[in-house]
Amino acid sequence: MEHKTLAEIERAGEATPAVPLTRAERLDRWATALERLGPIRLNTLWRTEYVAPDALGRVRADNSPISVAFDDPMLRIAGLKDDTYEEAKRFFELSDHELHRIVCYCHFGPSLSGREAARLVRGLARRQSRERSWFMSLFAHH
């Protein structure tokens, strides 16, 4: 019988998570990966708002915030299939507006720091948490 460490299994992509990650957990893991890069510059995606809808899904860039997510073995195990715009939108459950704000050239020029990208991703996770809390409070019995 062959034995492997968890890290070896994650790298090989031979495992599935015991519990699927929630949207907030996926965003948090992405933000953590970005934060580890600190001041390192990441490439933006060129003017995503002007890309034809049928081509937007295939847009990608090496060394982008999305490619950082795809480099994370746990996010791949959790279901991130590639580092394209459409896949990031699907996997992280983001709107075009939300993803555009994180990765588009028009907001940052050719690059942004890992730290800055992490701040934006964490902001999305916090906003979702606040919205969920507000919604749940509507049904709470006092």
C-alpha atoms as a PDB file:
ATOM      1  CA  MET A   1       0.000   0.000   0.000  1.00  0.00           C
ATOM      2  CA  GLU A   2       1.326   3.415  -0.934  1.00  0.00           C
ATOM      3  CA  HIS A   3       1.248   6.129   1.735  1.00  0.00           C
ATOM      4  CA  LYS A   4       1.244   9.850   0.959  1.00  0.00           C
ATOM      5  CA  THR A   5       1.228  12.967   3.068  1.00  0.00           C
ATOM      6  CA  LEU A   6      -1.732  15.350   2.801  1.00  0.00           C
ATOM      7  CA  ALA A   7       0.497  17.844   0.977  1.00  0.00           C
ATOM      8  CA  GLU A   8       1.450  15.194  -1.608  1.00  0.00           C
ATOM      9  CA  ILE A   9      -2.194  14.296  -2.152  1.00  0.00           C
ATOM     10  CA  GLU A  10      -3.171  17.960  -2.493  1.00  0.00           C
ATOM     11  CA  ARG A  11      -0.400  18.597  -5.039  1.00  0.00           C
ATOM     12  CA  ALA A  12      -1.444  15.586  -7.064  1.00  0.00           C
ATOM     13  CA  GLY A  13      -5.109  16.604  -6.942  1.00  0.00           C
ATOM     14  CA  GLU A  14      -6.091  13.104  -5.827  1.00  0.00           C
ATOM     15  CA  ALA A  15      -8.400  14.111  -3.009  1.00  0.00           C
ATOM     16  CA  THR A  16     -11.692  15.814  -2.547  1.00  0.00           C
ATOM     17  CA  PRO A  17     -12.498  17.910   0.489  1.00  0.00           C
ATOM     18  CA  ALA A  18     -14.394  16.124   3.241  1.00  0.00           C
ATOM     19  CA  VAL A  19     -16.697  19.131   3.468  1.00  0.00           C
ATOM     20  CA  PRO A  20     -17.174  21.471   0.496  1.00  0.00           C
ATOM     21  CA  LEU A  21     -15.962  24.991   1.165  1.00  0.00           C
ATOM     22  CA  THR A  22     -18.570  27.708   1.537  1.00  0.00           C
ATOM     23  CA  ARG A  23     -18.327  30.824  -0.595  1.00  0.00           C
ATOM     24  CA  ALA A  24     -16.924  32.734   2.370  1.00  0.00           C
ATOM     25  CA  GLU A  25     -14.300  30.029   2.991  1.00  0.00           C
ATOM     26  CA  ARG A  26     -13.270  30.027  -0.672  1.00  0.00           C
ATOM     27  CA  LEU A  27     -12.945  33.830  -0.681  1.00  0.00           C
ATOM     28  CA  ASP A  28     -11.000  33.737   2.576  1.00  0.00           C
ATOM     29  CA  ARG A  29      -8.581  31.132   1.239  1.00  0.00           C
ATOM     30  CA  TRP A  30      -8.069  33.214  -1.937  1.00  0.00           C
ATOM     31  CA  ALA A  31      -7.461  36.356   0.124  1.00  0.00           C
ATOM     32  CA  THR A  32      -4.949  34.515   2.308  1.00  0.00           C
ATOM     33  CA  ALA A  33      -3.030  33.304  -0.755  1.00  0.00           C
ATOM     34  CA  LEU A  34      -2.953  36.876  -2.082  1.00  0.00           C
ATOM     35  CA  GLU A  35      -1.871  38.314   1.282  1.00  0.00           C
ATOM     36  CA  ARG A  36       1.124  35.971   1.389  1.00  0.00           C
ATOM     37  CA  LEU A  37       2.421  37.786  -1.708  1.00  0.00           C
ATOM     38  CA  GLY A  38       2.379  41.170   0.074  1.00  0.00           C
ATOM     39  CA  PRO A  39       3.833  43.856  -2.208  1.00  0.00           C
ATOM     40  CA  ILE A  40       4.488  41.503  -5.139  1.00  0.00           C
ATOM     41  CA  ARG A  41       2.769  42.828  -8.259  1.00  0.00           C
ATOM     42  CA  LEU A  42       0.111  40.777 -10.025  1.00  0.00           C
ATOM     43  CA  ASN A  43      -1.052  41.305 -13.584  1.00  0.00           C
ATOM     44  CA  THR A  44      -4.491  42.704 -14.251  1.00  0.00           C
ATOM     45  CA  LEU A  45      -6.822  41.638 -17.051  1.00  0.00           C
ATOM     46  CA  TRP A  46      -7.062  44.070 -19.948  1.00  0.00           C
ATOM     47  CA  ARG A  47     -10.321  46.079 -19.919  1.00  0.00           C
ATOM     48  CA  THR A  48     -12.708  43.238 -19.182  1.00  0.00           C
ATOM     49  CA  GLU A  49     -15.737  45.487 -19.540  1.00  0.00           C
ATOM     50  CA  TYR A  50     -15.053  45.780 -23.288  1.00  0.00           C
ATOM     51  CA  VAL A  51     -14.479  42.096 -24.028  1.00  0.00           C
ATOM     52  CA  ALA A  52     -17.314  40.439 -25.962  1.00  0.00           C
ATOM     53  CA  PRO A  53     -19.434  38.313 -23.620  1.00  0.00           C
ATOM     54  CA  ASP A  54     -18.725  35.114 -25.552  1.00  0.00           C
ATOM     55  CA  ALA A  55     -14.949  35.712 -25.217  1.00  0.00           C
ATOM     56  CA  LEU A  56     -14.875  37.067 -21.654  1.00  0.00           C
ATOM     57  CA  GLY A  57     -15.080  33.627 -20.095  1.00  0.00           C
ATOM     58  CA  ARG A  58     -11.759  32.623 -21.642  1.00  0.00           C
ATOM     59  CA  VAL A  59      -9.862  35.755 -20.580  1.00  0.00           C
ATOM     60  CA  ARG A  60      -6.892  35.039 -18.332  1.00  0.00           C
ATOM     61  CA  ALA A  61      -3.403  36.311 -17.521  1.00  0.00           C
ATOM     62  CA  ASP A  62      -0.313  34.687 -16.078  1.00  0.00           C
ATOM     63  CA  ASN A  63       0.515  35.891 -12.575  1.00  0.00           C
ATOM     64  CA  SER A  64      -2.939  37.418 -12.004  1.00  0.00           C
ATOM     65  CA  PRO A  65      -5.057  37.363  -8.844  1.00  0.00           C
ATOM     66  CA  ILE A  66      -7.040  34.537 -10.449  1.00  0.00           C
ATOM     67  CA  SER A  67      -3.909  32.508 -11.236  1.00  0.00           C
ATOM     68  CA  VAL A  68      -2.889  32.868  -7.564  1.00  0.00           C
ATOM     69  CA  ALA A  69      -6.185  31.236  -6.608  1.00  0.00           C
ATOM     70  CA  PHE A  70      -5.638  28.448  -9.130  1.00  0.00           C
ATOM     71  CA  ASP A  71      -2.157  27.816  -7.722  1.00  0.00           C
ATOM     72  CA  ASP A  72      -3.726  26.981  -4.353  1.00  0.00           C
ATOM     73  CA  PRO A  73      -4.151  23.181  -4.130  1.00  0.00           C
ATOM     74  CA  MET A  74      -7.125  23.338  -1.751  1.00  0.00           C
ATOM     75  CA  LEU A  75      -9.057  25.656  -4.067  1.00  0.00           C
ATOM     76  CA  ARG A  76      -8.407  23.269  -6.959  1.00  0.00           C
ATOM     77  CA  ILE A  77      -9.511  20.321  -4.825  1.00  0.00           C
ATOM     78  CA  ALA A  78     -12.627  22.311  -3.895  1.00  0.00           C
ATOM     79  CA  GLY A  79     -13.463  22.661  -7.589  1.00  0.00           C
ATOM     80  CA  LEU A  80     -11.568  25.568  -9.176  1.00  0.00           C
ATOM     81  CA  LYS A  81     -10.971  24.211 -12.696  1.00  0.00           C
ATOM     82  CA  ASP A  82      -8.710  26.848 -14.273  1.00  0.00           C
ATOM     83  CA  ASP A  83      -7.596  30.471 -14.021  1.00  0.00           C
ATOM     84  CA  THR A  84     -10.049  32.059 -16.451  1.00  0.00           C
ATOM     85  CA  TYR A  85     -12.371  34.950 -15.712  1.00  0.00           C
ATOM     86  CA  GLU A  86     -15.515  32.832 -16.117  1.00  0.00           C
ATOM     87  CA  GLU A  87     -14.253  30.049 -13.871  1.00  0.00           C
ATOM     88  CA  ALA A  88     -13.328  32.512 -11.118  1.00  0.00           C
ATOM     89  CA  LYS A  89     -16.766  34.073 -11.432  1.00  0.00           C
ATOM     90  CA  ARG A  90     -18.445  30.661 -11.134  1.00  0.00           C
ATOM     91  CA  PHE A  91     -16.265  29.198  -8.389  1.00  0.00           C
ATOM     92  CA  PHE A  92     -16.245  32.248  -6.117  1.00  0.00           C
ATOM     93  CA  GLU A  93     -19.890  33.087  -6.949  1.00  0.00           C
ATOM     94  CA  LEU A  94     -19.034  36.617  -8.065  1.00  0.00           C
ATOM     95  CA  SER A  95     -20.915  39.002 -10.290  1.00  0.00           C
ATOM     96  CA  ASP A  96     -19.155  40.545 -13.284  1.00  0.00           C
ATOM     97  CA  HIS A  97     -19.013  43.802 -11.351  1.00  0.00           C
ATOM     98  CA  GLU A  98     -17.374  42.179  -8.308  1.00  0.00           C
ATOM     99  CA  LEU A  99     -14.736  40.278 -10.285  1.00  0.00           C
ATOM    100  CA  HIS A 100     -14.080  43.242 -12.565  1.00  0.00           C
ATOM    101  CA  ARG A 101     -13.323  45.367  -9.485  1.00  0.00           C
ATOM    102  CA  ILE A 102     -10.629  42.891  -8.384  1.00  0.00           C
ATOM    103  CA  VAL A 103      -8.876  42.097 -11.661  1.00  0.00           C
ATOM    104  CA  CYS A 104      -9.438  44.790 -14.292  1.00  0.00           C
ATOM    105  CA  TYR A 105      -6.756  47.041 -15.747  1.00  0.00           C
ATOM    106  CA  CYS A 106      -9.071  50.062 -15.647  1.00  0.00           C
ATOM    107  CA  HIS A 107      -8.871  50.190 -11.820  1.00  0.00           C
ATOM    108  CA  PHE A 108      -5.136  49.578 -11.295  1.00  0.00           C
ATOM    109  CA  GLY A 109      -3.252  49.855 -14.552  1.00  0.00           C
ATOM    110  CA  PRO A 110      -1.118  46.871 -15.530  1.00  0.00           C
ATOM    111  CA  SER A 111      -0.725  45.459 -12.010  1.00  0.00           C
ATOM    112  CA  LEU A 112      -1.784  45.521  -8.379  1.00  0.00           C
ATOM    113  CA  SER A 113      -0.129  44.148  -5.262  1.00  0.00           C
ATOM    114  CA  GLY A 114      -1.125  40.863  -3.699  1.00  0.00           C
ATOM    115  CA  ARG A 115      -1.973  42.814  -0.546  1.00  0.00           C
ATOM    116  CA  GLU A 116      -4.325  45.141  -2.434  1.00  0.00           C
ATOM    117  CA  ALA A 117      -6.054  42.248  -4.197  1.00  0.00           C
ATOM    118  CA  ALA A 118      -6.463  40.466  -0.841  1.00  0.00           C
ATOM    119  CA  ARG A 119      -8.119  43.550   0.664  1.00  0.00           C
ATOM    120  CA  LEU A 120     -10.658  43.608  -2.170  1.00  0.00           C
ATOM    121  CA  VAL A 121     -11.423  39.896  -1.891  1.00  0.00           C
ATOM    122  CA  ARG A 122     -11.813  40.142   1.892  1.00  0.00           C
ATOM    123  CA  GLY A 123     -14.165  43.086   1.396  1.00  0.00           C
ATOM    124  CA  LEU A 124     -16.454  40.879  -0.678  1.00  0.00           C
ATOM    125  CA  ALA A 125     -16.448  38.175   1.988  1.00  0.00           C
ATOM    126  CA  ARG A 126     -17.246  40.695   4.750  1.00  0.00           C
ATOM    127  CA  ARG A 127     -20.026  42.286   2.716  1.00  0.00           C
ATOM    128  CA  GLN A 128     -21.656  38.916   2.144  1.00  0.00           C
ATOM    129  CA  SER A 129     -21.428  38.138   5.853  1.00  0.00           C
ATOM    130  CA  ARG A 130     -23.067  41.459   6.791  1.00  0.00           C
ATOM    131  CA  GLU A 131     -25.828  40.974   4.232  1.00  0.00           C
ATOM    132  CA  ARG A 132     -26.517  37.450   5.477  1.00  0.00           C
ATOM    133  CA  SER A 133     -26.637  38.666   9.098  1.00  0.00           C
ATOM    134  CA  TRP A 134     -29.087  41.411   8.175  1.00  0.00           C
ATOM    135  CA  PHE A 135     -31.269  38.984   6.219  1.00  0.00           C
ATOM    136  CA  MET A 136     -31.281  36.426   9.040  1.00  0.00           C
ATOM    137  CA  SER A 137     -32.195  39.159  11.543  1.00  0.00           C
ATOM    138  CA  LEU A 138     -35.439  39.684   9.634  1.00  0.00           C
ATOM    139  CA  PHE A 139     -36.542  36.226  10.736  1.00  0.00           C
ATOM    140  CA  ALA A 140     -35.177  36.235  14.273  1.00  0.00           C
ATOM    141  CA  HIS A 141     -37.661  36.125  17.088  1.00  0.00           C
ATOM    142  CA  HIS A 142     -37.070  38.713  19.755  1.00  0.00           C
END
